[in-house]
Amino acid sequence: MGMNILFIEDNLTDVEYIKEAFNNVEATTLIHSVATRREALELLSGEDDGISITSPDLLLLDLTLPEDNGFTVLESVREKPEHTGLPVIILTNSDDEEDILRSYELHANAFLRKPSDPSEYEALAEQIVKFWVNHNHTPPE
């Protein structure tokens, strides 16, 4: 059973690590990646001319983005009633207590540090799938 994940990340290396890790753990998982708040909101609203993911199973969000930061993305996502139940995981290099606190104040569901070693991405993906697919129950749409 795969997932439909929107990954908001501007670092293409991290995007590739995540895609490869989830593919190794759960081959049917689809990872859609964008680098900006605007692109993410277009996909989530169905306003993008190409692909649309109005109902992803999970949103992975980096805090360091061009144009905006991850907090503005999180605020924008949480403003939409149709996305209040969307699980949002902050996936970042930060371990700053203020970033952690602000993420939870804006209703992130989890705050995870990116692995320091590329070989650790698969273990991270496995744990995310195990919890968010096998154990967690999200509210009905």
N, C-alpha and C. Protein backbone atom coordinates (compact mmCIF):
# COMPACT_ATOMS: atom_id res chain seq x y z
N MET A 1 0.84 -1.17 0.00
CA MET A 1 0.00 0.00 0.00
C MET A 1 0.89 1.24 0.00
N GLY A 2 0.87 2.00 -1.06
CA GLY A 2 1.75 3.15 -1.20
C GLY A 2 1.14 4.42 -0.68
N MET A 3 1.95 5.44 -0.69
CA MET A 3 1.53 6.76 -0.24
C MET A 3 1.68 7.75 -1.38
N ASN A 4 0.95 8.83 -1.25
CA ASN A 4 1.05 9.95 -2.16
C ASN A 4 1.62 11.10 -1.33
N ILE A 5 2.88 11.44 -1.55
CA ILE A 5 3.58 12.40 -0.72
C ILE A 5 3.95 13.64 -1.52
N LEU A 6 3.71 14.80 -0.92
CA LEU A 6 4.20 16.06 -1.48
C LEU A 6 5.40 16.47 -0.65
N PHE A 7 6.54 16.61 -1.30
CA PHE A 7 7.80 16.98 -0.64
C PHE A 7 8.17 18.38 -1.09
N ILE A 8 8.19 19.32 -0.17
CA ILE A 8 8.53 20.70 -0.49
C ILE A 8 9.97 20.92 -0.04
N GLU A 9 10.86 20.92 -1.02
CA GLU A 9 12.30 20.92 -0.77
C GLU A 9 13.00 21.49 -2.00
N ASP A 10 13.94 22.39 -1.79
CA ASP A 10 14.67 22.98 -2.92
C ASP A 10 16.01 22.31 -3.19
N ASN A 11 16.47 21.45 -2.29
CA ASN A 11 17.74 20.77 -2.48
C ASN A 11 17.49 19.48 -3.27
N LEU A 12 17.92 19.47 -4.53
CA LEU A 12 17.65 18.33 -5.41
C LEU A 12 18.30 17.04 -4.93
N THR A 13 19.42 17.15 -4.24
CA THR A 13 20.06 15.96 -3.69
C THR A 13 19.17 15.32 -2.62
N ASP A 14 18.62 16.13 -1.74
CA ASP A 14 17.71 15.60 -0.72
C ASP A 14 16.46 15.00 -1.35
N VAL A 15 15.97 15.63 -2.40
CA VAL A 15 14.80 15.09 -3.10
C VAL A 15 15.11 13.70 -3.64
N GLU A 16 16.27 13.55 -4.25
CA GLU A 16 16.66 12.24 -4.79
C GLU A 16 16.84 11.20 -3.68
N TYR A 17 17.45 11.60 -2.58
CA TYR A 17 17.61 10.67 -1.45
C TYR A 17 16.25 10.18 -0.95
N ILE A 18 15.32 11.10 -0.81
CA ILE A 18 13.98 10.74 -0.31
C ILE A 18 13.27 9.85 -1.31
N LYS A 19 13.30 10.21 -2.58
CA LYS A 19 12.62 9.39 -3.60
C LYS A 19 13.18 7.97 -3.63
N GLU A 20 14.49 7.86 -3.62
CA GLU A 20 15.12 6.54 -3.65
C GLU A 20 14.79 5.75 -2.39
N ALA A 21 14.83 6.41 -1.25
CA ALA A 21 14.56 5.72 0.02
C ALA A 21 13.13 5.19 0.07
N PHE A 22 12.15 6.02 -0.29
CA PHE A 22 10.77 5.56 -0.27
C PHE A 22 10.53 4.48 -1.32
N ASN A 23 11.17 4.60 -2.47
CA ASN A 23 11.03 3.58 -3.51
C ASN A 23 11.57 2.23 -3.02
N ASN A 24 12.66 2.26 -2.26
CA ASN A 24 13.23 1.03 -1.72
C ASN A 24 12.35 0.41 -0.63
N VAL A 25 11.66 1.27 0.12
CA VAL A 25 10.82 0.80 1.22
C VAL A 25 9.44 0.39 0.73
N GLU A 26 8.85 1.22 -0.11
CA GLU A 26 7.48 1.00 -0.60
C GLU A 26 7.42 1.48 -2.04
N ALA A 27 7.58 0.56 -2.98
CA ALA A 27 7.73 0.92 -4.40
C ALA A 27 6.53 1.65 -4.97
N THR A 28 5.36 1.53 -4.35
CA THR A 28 4.17 2.19 -4.90
C THR A 28 3.98 3.60 -4.37
N THR A 29 4.91 4.08 -3.55
CA THR A 29 4.83 5.45 -3.04
C THR A 29 5.18 6.43 -4.15
N LEU A 30 4.35 7.46 -4.28
CA LEU A 30 4.60 8.52 -5.25
C LEU A 30 5.07 9.76 -4.51
N ILE A 31 6.22 10.27 -4.91
CA ILE A 31 6.77 11.49 -4.31
C ILE A 31 6.69 12.59 -5.36
N HIS A 32 5.94 13.62 -5.05
CA HIS A 32 5.87 14.80 -5.89
C HIS A 32 6.68 15.87 -5.17
N SER A 33 7.63 16.46 -5.85
CA SER A 33 8.46 17.47 -5.19
C SER A 33 8.33 18.82 -5.87
N VAL A 34 8.31 19.84 -5.05
CA VAL A 34 8.33 21.22 -5.51
C VAL A 34 9.29 21.98 -4.61
N ALA A 35 9.73 23.15 -5.07
CA ALA A 35 10.75 23.89 -4.33
C ALA A 35 10.23 25.15 -3.67
N THR A 36 9.00 25.57 -3.97
CA THR A 36 8.51 26.84 -3.43
C THR A 36 7.09 26.71 -2.88
N ARG A 37 6.74 27.69 -2.06
CA ARG A 37 5.39 27.77 -1.50
C ARG A 37 4.36 27.89 -2.61
N ARG A 38 4.64 28.73 -3.58
CA ARG A 38 3.70 28.94 -4.68
C ARG A 38 3.41 27.64 -5.41
N GLU A 39 4.47 26.89 -5.75
CA GLU A 39 4.28 25.61 -6.44
C GLU A 39 3.48 24.63 -5.59
N ALA A 40 3.77 24.59 -4.30
CA ALA A 40 3.06 23.67 -3.41
C ALA A 40 1.57 24.01 -3.35
N LEU A 41 1.26 25.29 -3.20
CA LEU A 41 -0.14 25.69 -3.09
C LEU A 41 -0.89 25.49 -4.40
N GLU A 42 -0.20 25.68 -5.53
CA GLU A 42 -0.83 25.40 -6.83
C GLU A 42 -1.18 23.92 -6.95
N LEU A 43 -0.26 23.06 -6.55
CA LEU A 43 -0.54 21.61 -6.61
C LEU A 43 -1.67 21.23 -5.68
N LEU A 44 -1.65 21.75 -4.48
CA LEU A 44 -2.66 21.39 -3.48
C LEU A 44 -4.05 21.92 -3.83
N SER A 45 -4.09 23.02 -4.58
CA SER A 45 -5.38 23.61 -4.94
C SER A 45 -5.90 23.13 -6.28
N GLY A 46 -5.08 22.40 -7.02
CA GLY A 46 -5.50 21.94 -8.35
C GLY A 46 -5.32 23.00 -9.42
N GLU A 47 -4.62 24.09 -9.10
CA GLU A 47 -4.44 25.18 -10.06
C GLU A 47 -3.24 24.98 -10.97
N ASP A 48 -2.43 23.96 -10.72
CA ASP A 48 -1.27 23.69 -11.54
C ASP A 48 -1.74 23.14 -12.88
N ASP A 49 -1.11 23.55 -13.96
CA ASP A 49 -1.51 23.10 -15.30
C ASP A 49 -1.21 21.63 -15.54
N GLY A 50 -0.22 21.12 -14.86
CA GLY A 50 0.16 19.73 -15.07
C GLY A 50 -0.50 18.82 -14.05
N ILE A 51 0.31 18.33 -13.14
CA ILE A 51 -0.14 17.38 -12.13
C ILE A 51 -0.81 18.12 -10.97
N SER A 52 -1.75 17.48 -10.34
CA SER A 52 -2.41 18.05 -9.18
C SER A 52 -2.47 17.00 -8.08
N ILE A 53 -2.13 17.40 -6.88
CA ILE A 53 -2.25 16.49 -5.74
C ILE A 53 -3.07 17.21 -4.69
N THR A 54 -4.34 17.30 -4.90
CA THR A 54 -5.19 18.02 -3.96
C THR A 54 -5.34 17.28 -2.65
N SER A 55 -5.10 15.98 -2.62
CA SER A 55 -5.24 15.20 -1.39
C SER A 55 -4.06 14.26 -1.16
N PRO A 56 -2.88 14.81 -0.89
CA PRO A 56 -1.76 13.90 -0.59
C PRO A 56 -1.99 13.21 0.75
N ASP A 57 -1.32 12.09 0.95
CA ASP A 57 -1.41 11.39 2.22
C ASP A 57 -0.51 12.02 3.27
N LEU A 58 0.52 12.73 2.79
CA LEU A 58 1.52 13.27 3.70
C LEU A 58 2.25 14.42 3.01
N LEU A 59 2.62 15.41 3.80
CA LEU A 59 3.42 16.52 3.29
C LEU A 59 4.72 16.54 4.07
N LEU A 60 5.84 16.44 3.36
CA LEU A 60 7.17 16.60 3.95
C LEU A 60 7.63 18.01 3.61
N LEU A 61 8.09 18.75 4.59
CA LEU A 61 8.37 20.16 4.40
C LEU A 61 9.71 20.57 5.00
N ASP A 62 10.58 21.11 4.15
CA ASP A 62 11.83 21.69 4.63
C ASP A 62 11.55 23.11 5.10
N LEU A 63 12.31 23.61 6.06
CA LEU A 63 12.11 24.97 6.54
C LEU A 63 12.87 26.01 5.73
N THR A 64 13.92 25.60 5.03
CA THR A 64 14.75 26.52 4.26
C THR A 64 14.39 26.41 2.79
N LEU A 65 13.68 27.41 2.30
CA LEU A 65 13.21 27.41 0.91
C LEU A 65 13.52 28.75 0.27
N PRO A 66 13.63 28.78 -1.07
CA PRO A 66 13.79 30.07 -1.73
C PRO A 66 12.47 30.84 -1.66
N GLU A 67 12.52 32.12 -1.68
CA GLU A 67 11.37 33.01 -1.66
C GLU A 67 10.71 33.09 -0.28
N ASP A 68 10.34 31.97 0.31
CA ASP A 68 9.67 31.91 1.61
C ASP A 68 10.40 30.91 2.48
N ASN A 69 9.98 30.83 3.72
CA ASN A 69 10.48 29.75 4.54
C ASN A 69 9.37 28.72 4.74
N GLY A 70 9.71 27.61 5.33
CA GLY A 70 8.73 26.55 5.51
C GLY A 70 7.57 26.95 6.40
N PHE A 71 7.79 27.89 7.30
CA PHE A 71 6.71 28.32 8.18
C PHE A 71 5.58 28.98 7.39
N THR A 72 5.92 29.78 6.38
CA THR A 72 4.87 30.41 5.57
C THR A 72 4.10 29.35 4.78
N VAL A 73 4.80 28.31 4.36
CA VAL A 73 4.11 27.21 3.66
C VAL A 73 3.15 26.53 4.62
N LEU A 74 3.62 26.22 5.82
CA LEU A 74 2.80 25.54 6.80
C LEU A 74 1.58 26.39 7.16
N GLU A 75 1.78 27.68 7.36
CA GLU A 75 0.65 28.58 7.64
C GLU A 75 -0.37 28.56 6.51
N SER A 76 0.11 28.64 5.28
CA SER A 76 -0.79 28.64 4.12
C SER A 76 -1.57 27.35 4.00
N VAL A 77 -0.90 26.22 4.25
CA VAL A 77 -1.56 24.92 4.16
C VAL A 77 -2.62 24.81 5.25
N ARG A 78 -2.29 25.19 6.46
CA ARG A 78 -3.22 25.06 7.58
C ARG A 78 -4.39 26.02 7.51
N GLU A 79 -4.28 27.10 6.71
CA GLU A 79 -5.40 28.03 6.53
C GLU A 79 -6.54 27.41 5.74
N LYS A 80 -6.25 26.39 4.96
CA LYS A 80 -7.26 25.77 4.11
C LYS A 80 -7.98 24.67 4.89
N PRO A 81 -9.29 24.79 5.05
CA PRO A 81 -10.04 23.78 5.81
C PRO A 81 -9.87 22.36 5.27
N GLU A 82 -9.70 22.23 3.97
CA GLU A 82 -9.55 20.90 3.38
C GLU A 82 -8.21 20.24 3.70
N HIS A 83 -7.28 21.00 4.29
CA HIS A 83 -5.97 20.45 4.62
C HIS A 83 -5.69 20.42 6.13
N THR A 84 -6.70 20.64 6.95
CA THR A 84 -6.45 20.63 8.39
C THR A 84 -6.04 19.26 8.89
N GLY A 85 -6.50 18.19 8.26
CA GLY A 85 -6.13 16.85 8.67
C GLY A 85 -4.93 16.28 7.96
N LEU A 86 -4.34 17.05 7.04
CA LEU A 86 -3.18 16.58 6.28
C LEU A 86 -1.97 16.48 7.20
N PRO A 87 -1.39 15.29 7.36
CA PRO A 87 -0.19 15.18 8.19
C PRO A 87 0.98 15.93 7.54
N VAL A 88 1.60 16.79 8.34
CA VAL A 88 2.75 17.57 7.88
C VAL A 88 3.94 17.23 8.76
N ILE A 89 5.00 16.76 8.11
CA ILE A 89 6.25 16.46 8.81
C ILE A 89 7.29 17.47 8.36
N ILE A 90 7.82 18.20 9.33
CA ILE A 90 8.95 19.09 9.04
C ILE A 90 10.17 18.19 8.93
N LEU A 91 10.86 18.29 7.80
CA LEU A 91 12.07 17.50 7.56
C LEU A 91 13.17 18.49 7.19
N THR A 92 14.05 18.76 8.14
CA THR A 92 14.97 19.87 8.00
C THR A 92 16.32 19.57 8.63
N ASN A 93 17.29 20.42 8.37
CA ASN A 93 18.60 20.32 9.01
C ASN A 93 18.64 21.04 10.35
N SER A 94 17.63 21.82 10.64
CA SER A 94 17.62 22.61 11.86
C SER A 94 17.36 21.74 13.09
N ASP A 95 18.01 22.11 14.18
CA ASP A 95 17.66 21.52 15.46
C ASP A 95 17.45 22.65 16.48
N ASP A 96 17.19 23.83 15.94
CA ASP A 96 16.94 25.02 16.75
C ASP A 96 15.62 24.86 17.51
N GLU A 97 15.65 25.10 18.81
CA GLU A 97 14.45 24.94 19.63
C GLU A 97 13.33 25.87 19.18
N GLU A 98 13.67 27.07 18.72
CA GLU A 98 12.64 28.00 18.24
C GLU A 98 11.96 27.46 16.99
N ASP A 99 12.72 26.82 16.10
CA ASP A 99 12.12 26.22 14.90
C ASP A 99 11.18 25.08 15.29
N ILE A 100 11.59 24.27 16.26
CA ILE A 100 10.76 23.16 16.71
C ILE A 100 9.46 23.70 17.31
N LEU A 101 9.58 24.66 18.21
CA LEU A 101 8.41 25.24 18.86
C LEU A 101 7.47 25.88 17.85
N ARG A 102 8.02 26.68 16.94
CA ARG A 102 7.18 27.35 15.93
C ARG A 102 6.48 26.33 15.04
N SER A 103 7.17 25.26 14.68
CA SER A 103 6.55 24.23 13.83
C SER A 103 5.32 23.64 14.50
N TYR A 104 5.44 23.32 15.77
CA TYR A 104 4.30 22.74 16.49
C TYR A 104 3.21 23.78 16.75
N GLU A 105 3.60 25.04 16.97
CA GLU A 105 2.60 26.09 17.13
C GLU A 105 1.74 26.24 15.87
N LEU A 106 2.36 25.98 14.71
CA LEU A 106 1.66 26.08 13.43
C LEU A 106 1.02 24.74 13.02
N HIS A 107 0.99 23.80 13.95
CA HIS A 107 0.30 22.52 13.79
C HIS A 107 0.99 21.53 12.86
N ALA A 108 2.32 21.53 12.88
CA ALA A 108 3.04 20.43 12.24
C ALA A 108 2.78 19.18 13.08
N ASN A 109 2.78 18.03 12.43
CA ASN A 109 2.53 16.78 13.15
C ASN A 109 3.81 16.15 13.68
N ALA A 110 4.94 16.51 13.09
CA ALA A 110 6.21 15.95 13.55
C ALA A 110 7.34 16.86 13.06
N PHE A 111 8.45 16.80 13.76
CA PHE A 111 9.63 17.57 13.40
C PHE A 111 10.80 16.59 13.38
N LEU A 112 11.35 16.34 12.20
CA LEU A 112 12.45 15.39 12.05
C LEU A 112 13.65 16.08 11.42
N ARG A 113 14.82 15.71 11.92
CA ARG A 113 16.05 16.19 11.30
C ARG A 113 16.39 15.29 10.12
N LYS A 114 16.89 15.91 9.06
CA LYS A 114 17.36 15.13 7.92
C LYS A 114 18.55 14.30 8.37
N PRO A 115 18.66 13.11 7.85
CA PRO A 115 19.83 12.29 8.18
C PRO A 115 21.12 12.98 7.74
N SER A 116 22.16 12.81 8.52
CA SER A 116 23.46 13.39 8.15
C SER A 116 24.19 12.50 7.15
N ASP A 117 23.81 11.24 7.10
CA ASP A 117 24.43 10.28 6.20
C ASP A 117 23.38 9.80 5.19
N PRO A 118 23.67 9.89 3.89
CA PRO A 118 22.69 9.47 2.89
C PRO A 118 22.18 8.04 3.09
N SER A 119 22.99 7.19 3.68
CA SER A 119 22.55 5.80 3.88
C SER A 119 21.44 5.69 4.92
N GLU A 120 21.20 6.74 5.69
CA GLU A 120 20.18 6.71 6.74
C GLU A 120 18.79 7.10 6.23
N TYR A 121 18.69 7.58 5.01
CA TYR A 121 17.39 8.01 4.47
C TYR A 121 16.41 6.84 4.36
N GLU A 122 16.90 5.66 4.03
CA GLU A 122 16.00 4.52 3.90
C GLU A 122 15.37 4.15 5.24
N ALA A 123 16.14 4.19 6.32
CA ALA A 123 15.59 3.91 7.65
C ALA A 123 14.54 4.95 8.02
N LEU A 124 14.80 6.21 7.66
CA LEU A 124 13.83 7.27 7.92
C LEU A 124 12.53 7.00 7.15
N ALA A 125 12.65 6.67 5.87
CA ALA A 125 11.48 6.38 5.06
C ALA A 125 10.71 5.19 5.62
N GLU A 126 11.42 4.18 6.05
CA GLU A 126 10.77 2.99 6.62
C GLU A 126 9.97 3.34 7.86
N GLN A 127 10.52 4.17 8.71
CA GLN A 127 9.80 4.56 9.92
C GLN A 127 8.60 5.44 9.61
N ILE A 128 8.73 6.32 8.63
CA ILE A 128 7.60 7.16 8.24
C ILE A 128 6.47 6.29 7.69
N VAL A 129 6.80 5.37 6.81
CA VAL A 129 5.78 4.48 6.25
C VAL A 129 5.15 3.64 7.35
N LYS A 130 5.97 3.09 8.21
CA LYS A 130 5.46 2.24 9.29
C LYS A 130 4.45 2.99 10.14
N PHE A 131 4.78 4.21 10.52
CA PHE A 131 3.88 4.96 11.39
C PHE A 131 2.69 5.53 10.63
N TRP A 132 2.95 6.30 9.55
CA TRP A 132 1.89 7.05 8.90
C TRP A 132 0.98 6.19 8.03
N VAL A 133 1.46 5.04 7.58
CA VAL A 133 0.61 4.15 6.77
C VAL A 133 0.04 3.02 7.62
N ASN A 134 0.87 2.39 8.41
CA ASN A 134 0.43 1.20 9.12
C ASN A 134 -0.26 1.47 10.46
N HIS A 135 0.05 2.59 11.11
CA HIS A 135 -0.47 2.80 12.45
C HIS A 135 -1.36 4.02 12.61
N ASN A 136 -1.06 5.10 11.95
CA ASN A 136 -1.80 6.35 12.15
C ASN A 136 -3.14 6.32 11.42
N HIS A 137 -4.13 6.95 12.02
CA HIS A 137 -5.44 7.13 11.40
C HIS A 137 -5.69 8.63 11.25
N THR A 138 -5.85 9.07 10.02
CA THR A 138 -6.12 10.49 9.78
C THR A 138 -7.63 10.71 9.74
N PRO A 139 -8.06 11.95 9.97
CA PRO A 139 -9.51 12.20 9.92
C PRO A 139 -10.06 11.97 8.51
N PRO A 140 -11.32 11.55 8.41
CA PRO A 140 -11.91 11.36 7.08
C PRO A 140 -12.04 12.69 6.37
N GLU A 141 -11.99 12.64 5.04
CA GLU A 141 -12.11 13.87 4.25
C GLU A 141 -13.54 14.37 4.22
